[in-house]
């Protein structure tokens, strides 16, 4: 009989997860199909991109499920529910989440180090017409081996990095080797996987600082400012075409008497003719946009977009304030760099953490909010990548544009999102540390009764779970264990949070200074004349 409630709660948690999974798969298919180039689309790259993006979103959705399961074990009065009173039963539920993390993180390692690099290099080789399919596969495998070696190296380093003090200097070499193998076997491979994921999370931290911070500022401000009037843009574009045509005629008139143009004039003529082609293409796109019903619907929804933009910017400011308070709390009350700036509980009032705790009595508002927070980071990251494109230092590799994104760019996009999602868990922990550790759990404390004449009378008082709670009274989420396995990663994440705050403020200033976007933003570029307009103009 005790197994029935256990099955019920597991079924409830994973049923919610399954529904989210179906929604995620549908969203990924629509998103990839929206941005992929119809001329260069490939089945394998499309499936890979959809699956990688889905894995990224599914992994981010696992955190709310983790918090829900540990919270659902207890009643609001702090006592365990009948089916969760046994430590073994609670361990089984925790293991289901742990295996979920194991599975998804292993898939992420497979995607980042094997599958996505192989598909990417396969299509890079395909650009060369002289290479046959066997050579493509061979060259792609050759480059992928390098990524596989890095993955194996990270797993081995993580497996053998000691988490406990090593044997003393007087120990024999065999005892030291035996100690390392005991360290590996006692943890069931958790440090190996955690070290590899944490290493990828460092790269994800850089992507979060670059793309997510900018996306959190540019997305709401674009919604508030809206786009330029398509009628005004067409009029302005027509005037530009007339001016360029006049300059071209002026340059051509110099050679009417048979004299050749100077090298400077020939260069200017080529430049003007290229500019004219871009303006003519822009005019065709603007004509289509003016007739498009989506443009008209977008104009009708302007009040809703403004309200949504105001909501997003308020959420972003709330996140920044919560992150600043959390980092300040760590700076003031942690043991410093040597401890990874780890603190248990909160010493300063964190607005987001307090909001989540305040929503606990009204089920399931706190779980809805933590899910919204998770997805907000993903959506703003997508917005940041969409607006900035994909860069390697100062070199722009790819642009992300509707219906014109190359297969390699989509693979890069999905890999970046995979890395961002890995760091998102730590970001959310920084925003609401107490809630991410314990969820809505409470525990019962026996206090002496004030009105009792005898000294043995006690009264039960409920408290929110924190670091001071007895170990057997509060269950820590599995995500927290992954985040803080190695203290030196936590130290780097701490300084990364300060960099994130700075990047957001810079992005906010830049976004405020920019004017309205074009209604065909990103559709026409000077360097994509080799692509046909048939994808847009019908």
Foldseek 3Di string as FASTA:
>chain_A
DLVVVLVVLLCVLVVVLVVVLVVLLVVLLVVLQFFAAPVFDDPLLSVLLSVLLSLLLSLLLLLLSLLVSQAVQDDLLQHGDPSNPDPVSSVVSQVVSVVVCVVSLVVLLCLLLPVLQLVLQLVVVVVDVVDDNVNSNVVSVVVSVVSVVVLVVLLVCQLQDDPDDADDPPDDPVSRVVVSVCSNVVVVSLSSSLSSLLVLLLVLLVLCLQFLLLLLQQQLLQLQQDFDDLVVVLVVLVVVLVVLVVVLVVLVVVCPVPDDHDPVSVVVNVVSVLVNVLSVLVNLLSVLLVPDVVNVVSVVCSVVSNVVSVVSNVVVVLLLQLLVQLLVQLVVPPPPLVQLSDDWDGDDDQVVQVVLLVCVVPPPVSSVVSSVLSVSSLVSSVSRCQVPPDDDVPRHDFHRDTNYGHSSSSSVVSSSSSSNSSNSLVSVCSSHVLCSFFNNRKHWDWAADPPDPDRPDTDIDIDGDIPPDDPVSTHTRPSVCSCRSDSNSSNSVSVSSVSSSVSSVVSNVVSVPDHHHHPRPPVGDSPVPVDDCPSRRD
